[in-house]
Amino acid sequence: MGPKQLREVKIIPATYKYHGMVFIWQNKIAMFSFKKDMEALVIESEELSKIQKAMFDVIWDSLEYKK
């Protein structure tokens, strides 16, 4: 898992229930909900994308690397 595909993988503990996905790129955020009414939202904002990236980094840094 991970290194063979040239990526690092970290798993969020199962105690956190979520049914969606978030992509952050350039100055955009895309949020997808896969529960019941499948919904998507795209936000284009430099400041909001920086905030979302900072939140991602905090979560990423708190998780253990899974080999």
PDB file of N, CA and C in Angstrom:
ATOM      1  N   MET A   1       0.853  -1.190   0.000  1.00  0.00           N
ATOM      2  CA  MET A   1       0.000   0.000   0.000  1.00  0.00           C
ATOM      3  C   MET A   1       0.887   1.237   0.000  1.00  0.00           C
ATOM      4  N   GLY A   2       0.686   2.152  -0.814  1.00  0.00           N
ATOM      5  CA  GLY A   2       1.380   3.430  -0.774  1.00  0.00           C
ATOM      6  C   GLY A   2       2.680   3.492  -1.547  1.00  0.00           C
ATOM      7  N   PRO A   3       3.806   3.008  -0.953  1.00  0.00           N
ATOM      8  CA  PRO A   3       5.106   3.200  -1.601  1.00  0.00           C
ATOM      9  C   PRO A   3       5.202   2.646  -3.023  1.00  0.00           C
ATOM     10  N   LYS A   4       4.528   1.552  -3.312  1.00  0.00           N
ATOM     11  CA  LYS A   4       4.565   1.003  -4.663  1.00  0.00           C
ATOM     12  C   LYS A   4       3.909   1.960  -5.658  1.00  0.00           C
ATOM     13  N   GLN A   5       2.950   2.749  -5.188  1.00  0.00           N
ATOM     14  CA  GLN A   5       2.274   3.715  -6.050  1.00  0.00           C
ATOM     15  C   GLN A   5       2.875   5.117  -5.891  1.00  0.00           C
ATOM     16  N   LEU A   6       4.036   5.198  -5.235  1.00  0.00           N
ATOM     17  CA  LEU A   6       4.730   6.468  -4.998  1.00  0.00           C
ATOM     18  C   LEU A   6       3.853   7.465  -4.256  1.00  0.00           C
ATOM     19  N   ARG A   7       3.218   6.983  -3.204  1.00  0.00           N
ATOM     20  CA  ARG A   7       2.396   7.859  -2.377  1.00  0.00           C
ATOM     21  C   ARG A   7       2.492   7.412  -0.929  1.00  0.00           C
ATOM     22  N   GLU A   8       2.150   8.300  -0.028  1.00  0.00           N
ATOM     23  CA  GLU A   8       2.124   8.009   1.393  1.00  0.00           C
ATOM     24  C   GLU A   8       0.656   7.964   1.814  1.00  0.00           C
ATOM     25  N   VAL A   9       0.300   6.934   2.584  1.00  0.00           N
ATOM     26  CA  VAL A   9      -1.088   6.729   2.974  1.00  0.00           C
ATOM     27  C   VAL A   9      -1.198   6.778   4.489  1.00  0.00           C
ATOM     28  N   LYS A  10      -2.181   7.509   4.964  1.00  0.00           N
ATOM     29  CA  LYS A  10      -2.520   7.530   6.380  1.00  0.00           C
ATOM     30  C   LYS A  10      -4.020   7.304   6.473  1.00  0.00           C
ATOM     31  N   ILE A  11      -4.442   6.540   7.485  1.00  0.00           N
ATOM     32  CA  ILE A  11      -5.840   6.159   7.618  1.00  0.00           C
ATOM     33  C   ILE A  11      -6.460   6.890   8.805  1.00  0.00           C
ATOM     34  N   ILE A  12      -7.621   7.505   8.577  1.00  0.00           N
ATOM     35  CA  ILE A  12      -8.360   8.140   9.664  1.00  0.00           C
ATOM     36  C   ILE A  12      -9.029   7.030  10.471  1.00  0.00           C
ATOM     37  N   PRO A  13      -8.936   7.071  11.806  1.00  0.00           N
ATOM     38  CA  PRO A  13      -9.554   6.023  12.632  1.00  0.00           C
ATOM     39  C   PRO A  13     -11.046   5.867  12.330  1.00  0.00           C
ATOM     40  N   ALA A  14     -11.527   4.637  12.444  1.00  0.00           N
ATOM     41  CA  ALA A  14     -12.926   4.318  12.134  1.00  0.00           C
ATOM     42  C   ALA A  14     -13.908   5.008  13.079  1.00  0.00           C
ATOM     43  N   THR A  15     -13.431   5.530  14.191  1.00  0.00           N
ATOM     44  CA  THR A  15     -14.331   6.217  15.127  1.00  0.00           C
ATOM     45  C   THR A  15     -14.878   7.515  14.547  1.00  0.00           C
ATOM     46  N   TYR A  16     -14.246   8.028  13.500  1.00  0.00           N
ATOM     47  CA  TYR A  16     -14.719   9.230  12.821  1.00  0.00           C
ATOM     48  C   TYR A  16     -15.599   8.799  11.656  1.00  0.00           C
ATOM     49  N   LYS A  17     -16.867   9.097  11.752  1.00  0.00           N
ATOM     50  CA  LYS A  17     -17.823   8.682  10.723  1.00  0.00           C
ATOM     51  C   LYS A  17     -17.976   9.790   9.683  1.00  0.00           C
ATOM     52  N   TYR A  18     -17.718   9.479   8.447  1.00  0.00           N
ATOM     53  CA  TYR A  18     -17.886  10.438   7.350  1.00  0.00           C
ATOM     54  C   TYR A  18     -18.149   9.666   6.068  1.00  0.00           C
ATOM     55  N   HIS A  19     -18.845  10.282   5.150  1.00  0.00           N
ATOM     56  CA  HIS A  19     -19.193   9.656   3.881  1.00  0.00           C
ATOM     57  C   HIS A  19     -18.968  10.673   2.769  1.00  0.00           C
ATOM     58  N   GLY A  20     -17.740  11.048   2.598  1.00  0.00           N
ATOM     59  CA  GLY A  20     -17.462  12.053   1.583  1.00  0.00           C
ATOM     60  C   GLY A  20     -15.981  12.159   1.290  1.00  0.00           C
ATOM     61  N   MET A  21     -15.653  13.207   0.581  1.00  0.00           N
ATOM     62  CA  MET A  21     -14.279  13.408   0.140  1.00  0.00           C
ATOM     63  C   MET A  21     -14.065  14.904  -0.080  1.00  0.00           C
ATOM     64  N   VAL A  22     -12.833  15.346   0.146  1.00  0.00           N
ATOM     65  CA  VAL A  22     -12.478  16.745  -0.095  1.00  0.00           C
ATOM     66  C   VAL A  22     -11.220  16.776  -0.945  1.00  0.00           C
ATOM     67  N   PHE A  23     -11.239  17.569  -2.002  1.00  0.00           N
ATOM     68  CA  PHE A  23     -10.051  17.808  -2.827  1.00  0.00           C
ATOM     69  C   PHE A  23      -9.662  19.272  -2.654  1.00  0.00           C
ATOM     70  N   ILE A  24      -8.357  19.517  -2.548  1.00  0.00           N
ATOM     71  CA  ILE A  24      -7.839  20.885  -2.459  1.00  0.00           C
ATOM     72  C   ILE A  24      -6.779  21.023  -3.549  1.00  0.00           C
ATOM     73  N   TRP A  25      -6.937  22.004  -4.425  1.00  0.00           N
ATOM     74  CA  TRP A  25      -5.928  22.245  -5.454  1.00  0.00           C
ATOM     75  C   TRP A  25      -5.969  23.715  -5.842  1.00  0.00           C
ATOM     76  N   GLN A  26      -4.795  24.239  -6.159  1.00  0.00           N
ATOM     77  CA  GLN A  26      -4.658  25.651  -6.505  1.00  0.00           C
ATOM     78  C   GLN A  26      -5.435  26.490  -5.495  1.00  0.00           C
ATOM     79  N   ASN A  27      -6.404  27.253  -5.938  1.00  0.00           N
ATOM     80  CA  ASN A  27      -7.197  28.067  -5.008  1.00  0.00           C
ATOM     81  C   ASN A  27      -8.635  27.557  -4.960  1.00  0.00           C
ATOM     82  N   LYS A  28      -8.790  26.221  -5.066  1.00  0.00           N
ATOM     83  CA  LYS A  28     -10.127  25.626  -5.100  1.00  0.00           C
ATOM     84  C   LYS A  28     -10.254  24.510  -4.061  1.00  0.00           C
ATOM     85  N   ILE A  29     -11.495  24.337  -3.615  1.00  0.00           N
ATOM     86  CA  ILE A  29     -11.860  23.245  -2.714  1.00  0.00           C
ATOM     87  C   ILE A  29     -13.086  22.576  -3.331  1.00  0.00           C
ATOM     88  N   ALA A  30     -13.064  21.260  -3.430  1.00  0.00           N
ATOM     89  CA  ALA A  30     -14.237  20.509  -3.877  1.00  0.00           C
ATOM     90  C   ALA A  30     -14.614  19.546  -2.762  1.00  0.00           C
ATOM     91  N   MET A  31     -15.873  19.594  -2.355  1.00  0.00           N
ATOM     92  CA  MET A  31     -16.375  18.713  -1.299  1.00  0.00           C
ATOM     93  C   MET A  31     -17.476  17.846  -1.890  1.00  0.00           C
ATOM     94  N   PHE A  32     -17.403  16.553  -1.608  1.00  0.00           N
ATOM     95  CA  PHE A  32     -18.378  15.595  -2.120  1.00  0.00           C
ATOM     96  C   PHE A  32     -18.999  14.842  -0.963  1.00  0.00           C
ATOM     97  N   SER A  33     -20.314  14.701  -0.986  1.00  0.00           N
ATOM     98  CA  SER A  33     -21.050  13.906  -0.009  1.00  0.00           C
ATOM     99  C   SER A  33     -21.602  12.689  -0.730  1.00  0.00           C
ATOM    100  N   PHE A  34     -21.330  11.508  -0.188  1.00  0.00           N
ATOM    101  CA  PHE A  34     -21.794  10.276  -0.811  1.00  0.00           C
ATOM    102  C   PHE A  34     -22.952   9.645  -0.042  1.00  0.00           C
ATOM    103  N   LYS A  35     -23.494  10.356   0.906  1.00  0.00           N
ATOM    104  CA  LYS A  35     -24.590   9.851   1.734  1.00  0.00           C
ATOM    105  C   LYS A  35     -25.921  10.340   1.171  1.00  0.00           C
ATOM    106  N   LYS A  36     -26.863   9.466   1.022  1.00  0.00           N
ATOM    107  CA  LYS A  36     -28.226   9.766   0.577  1.00  0.00           C
ATOM    108  C   LYS A  36     -28.250  10.626  -0.687  1.00  0.00           C
ATOM    109  N   ASP A  37     -28.424  11.936  -0.553  1.00  0.00           N
ATOM    110  CA  ASP A  37     -28.464  12.849  -1.706  1.00  0.00           C
ATOM    111  C   ASP A  37     -27.038  13.215  -2.087  1.00  0.00           C
ATOM    112  N   MET A  38     -26.456  12.496  -3.023  1.00  0.00           N
ATOM    113  CA  MET A  38     -25.076  12.769  -3.410  1.00  0.00           C
ATOM    114  C   MET A  38     -24.964  14.228  -3.846  1.00  0.00           C
ATOM    115  N   GLU A  39     -24.113  14.969  -3.151  1.00  0.00           N
ATOM    116  CA  GLU A  39     -23.971  16.397  -3.404  1.00  0.00           C
ATOM    117  C   GLU A  39     -22.506  16.751  -3.590  1.00  0.00           C
ATOM    118  N   ALA A  40     -22.259  17.861  -4.265  1.00  0.00           N
ATOM    119  CA  ALA A  40     -20.898  18.353  -4.452  1.00  0.00           C
ATOM    120  C   ALA A  40     -20.917  19.873  -4.364  1.00  0.00           C
ATOM    121  N   LEU A  41     -19.811  20.412  -3.900  1.00  0.00           N
ATOM    122  CA  LEU A  41     -19.664  21.854  -3.767  1.00  0.00           C
ATOM    123  C   LEU A  41     -18.245  22.204  -4.160  1.00  0.00           C
ATOM    124  N   VAL A  42     -18.071  23.196  -5.031  1.00  0.00           N
ATOM    125  CA  VAL A  42     -16.742  23.677  -5.399  1.00  0.00           C
ATOM    126  C   VAL A  42     -16.665  25.148  -5.000  1.00  0.00           C
ATOM    127  N   ILE A  43     -15.609  25.486  -4.269  1.00  0.00           N
ATOM    128  CA  ILE A  43     -15.388  26.858  -3.833  1.00  0.00           C
ATOM    129  C   ILE A  43     -14.064  27.318  -4.419  1.00  0.00           C
ATOM    130  N   GLU A  44     -14.070  28.467  -5.052  1.00  0.00           N
ATOM    131  CA  GLU A  44     -12.839  29.047  -5.573  1.00  0.00           C
ATOM    132  C   GLU A  44     -12.524  30.279  -4.738  1.00  0.00           C
ATOM    133  N   SER A  45     -11.510  30.139  -3.883  1.00  0.00           N
ATOM    134  CA  SER A  45     -11.109  31.221  -2.989  1.00  0.00           C
ATOM    135  C   SER A  45      -9.699  30.935  -2.492  1.00  0.00           C
ATOM    136  N   GLU A  46      -8.791  31.838  -2.726  1.00  0.00           N
ATOM    137  CA  GLU A  46      -7.414  31.642  -2.282  1.00  0.00           C
ATOM    138  C   GLU A  46      -7.356  31.500  -0.762  1.00  0.00           C
ATOM    139  N   GLU A  47      -8.045  32.378  -0.049  1.00  0.00           N
ATOM    140  CA  GLU A  47      -7.981  32.350   1.418  1.00  0.00           C
ATOM    141  C   GLU A  47      -8.645  31.103   1.994  1.00  0.00           C
ATOM    142  N   LEU A  48      -9.811  30.724   1.484  1.00  0.00           N
ATOM    143  CA  LEU A  48     -10.484  29.522   1.986  1.00  0.00           C
ATOM    144  C   LEU A  48      -9.697  28.259   1.659  1.00  0.00           C
ATOM    145  N   SER A  49      -9.062  28.212   0.495  1.00  0.00           N
ATOM    146  CA  SER A  49      -8.256  27.037   0.166  1.00  0.00           C
ATOM    147  C   SER A  49      -7.027  26.952   1.078  1.00  0.00           C
ATOM    148  N   LYS A  50      -6.459  28.088   1.465  1.00  0.00           N
ATOM    149  CA  LYS A  50      -5.334  28.087   2.421  1.00  0.00           C
ATOM    150  C   LYS A  50      -5.786  27.568   3.793  1.00  0.00           C
ATOM    151  N   ILE A  51      -6.984  27.987   4.220  1.00  0.00           N
ATOM    152  CA  ILE A  51      -7.524  27.517   5.499  1.00  0.00           C
ATOM    153  C   ILE A  51      -7.742  26.007   5.449  1.00  0.00           C
ATOM    154  N   GLN A  52      -8.351  25.520   4.374  1.00  0.00           N
ATOM    155  CA  GLN A  52      -8.621  24.085   4.244  1.00  0.00           C
ATOM    156  C   GLN A  52      -7.317  23.293   4.191  1.00  0.00           C
ATOM    157  N   LYS A  53      -6.321  23.803   3.488  1.00  0.00           N
ATOM    158  CA  LYS A  53      -5.009  23.134   3.409  1.00  0.00           C
ATOM    159  C   LYS A  53      -4.358  23.076   4.782  1.00  0.00           C
ATOM    160  N   ALA A  54      -4.449  24.163   5.558  1.00  0.00           N
ATOM    161  CA  ALA A  54      -3.886  24.177   6.911  1.00  0.00           C
ATOM    162  C   ALA A  54      -4.584  23.134   7.791  1.00  0.00           C
ATOM    163  N   MET A  55      -5.905  23.028   7.677  1.00  0.00           N
ATOM    164  CA  MET A  55      -6.639  22.023   8.449  1.00  0.00           C
ATOM    165  C   MET A  55      -6.220  20.617   8.028  1.00  0.00           C
ATOM    166  N   PHE A  56      -6.045  20.395   6.727  1.00  0.00           N
ATOM    167  CA  PHE A  56      -5.580  19.102   6.239  1.00  0.00           C
ATOM    168  C   PHE A  56      -4.205  18.782   6.832  1.00  0.00           C
ATOM    169  N   ASP A  57      -3.295  19.746   6.815  1.00  0.00           N
ATOM    170  CA  ASP A  57      -1.942  19.523   7.325  1.00  0.00           C
ATOM    171  C   ASP A  57      -1.942  19.160   8.812  1.00  0.00           C
ATOM    172  N   VAL A  58      -2.788  19.810   9.602  1.00  0.00           N
ATOM    173  CA  VAL A  58      -2.887  19.492  11.033  1.00  0.00           C
ATOM    174  C   VAL A  58      -3.345  18.052  11.215  1.00  0.00           C
ATOM    175  N   ILE A  59      -4.384  17.656  10.476  1.00  0.00           N
ATOM    176  CA  ILE A  59      -4.887  16.281  10.581  1.00  0.00           C
ATOM    177  C   ILE A  59      -3.839  15.290  10.090  1.00  0.00           C
ATOM    178  N   TRP A  60      -3.234  15.559   8.945  1.00  0.00           N
ATOM    179  CA  TRP A  60      -2.216  14.671   8.364  1.00  0.00           C
ATOM    180  C   TRP A  60      -1.060  14.447   9.346  1.00  0.00           C
ATOM    181  N   ASP A  61      -0.589  15.534   9.942  1.00  0.00           N
ATOM    182  CA  ASP A  61       0.544  15.437  10.869  1.00  0.00           C
ATOM    183  C   ASP A  61       0.194  14.675  12.147  1.00  0.00           C
ATOM    184  N   SER A  62      -1.098  14.594  12.492  1.00  0.00           N
ATOM    185  CA  SER A  62      -1.495  13.897  13.715  1.00  0.00           C
ATOM    186  C   SER A  62      -1.689  12.397  13.503  1.00  0.00           C
ATOM    187  N   LEU A  63      -1.739  11.943  12.255  1.00  0.00           N
ATOM    188  CA  LEU A  63      -1.974  10.541  11.947  1.00  0.00           C
ATOM    189  C   LEU A  63      -0.675   9.766  11.782  1.00  0.00           C
ATOM    190  N   GLU A  64      -0.723   8.471  12.090  1.00  0.00           N
ATOM    191  CA  GLU A  64       0.439   7.608  11.900  1.00  0.00           C
ATOM    192  C   GLU A  64       0.508   7.133  10.461  1.00  0.00           C
ATOM    193  N   TYR A  65       1.739   6.936   9.985  1.00  0.00           N
ATOM    194  CA  TYR A  65       1.963   6.392   8.642  1.00  0.00           C
ATOM    195  C   TYR A  65       1.697   4.899   8.684  1.00  0.00           C
ATOM    196  N   LYS A  66       0.905   4.393   7.743  1.00  0.00           N
ATOM    197  CA  LYS A  66       0.616   2.952   7.652  1.00  0.00           C
ATOM    198  C   LYS A  66       1.419   2.348   6.507  1.00  0.00           C
ATOM    199  N   LYS A  67       2.211   1.315   6.815  1.00  0.00           N
ATOM    200  CA  LYS A  67       3.002   0.627   5.793  1.00  0.00           C
ATOM    201  C   LYS A  67       2.279  -0.566   5.256  1.00  0.00           C
TER     202      LYS A  67
END
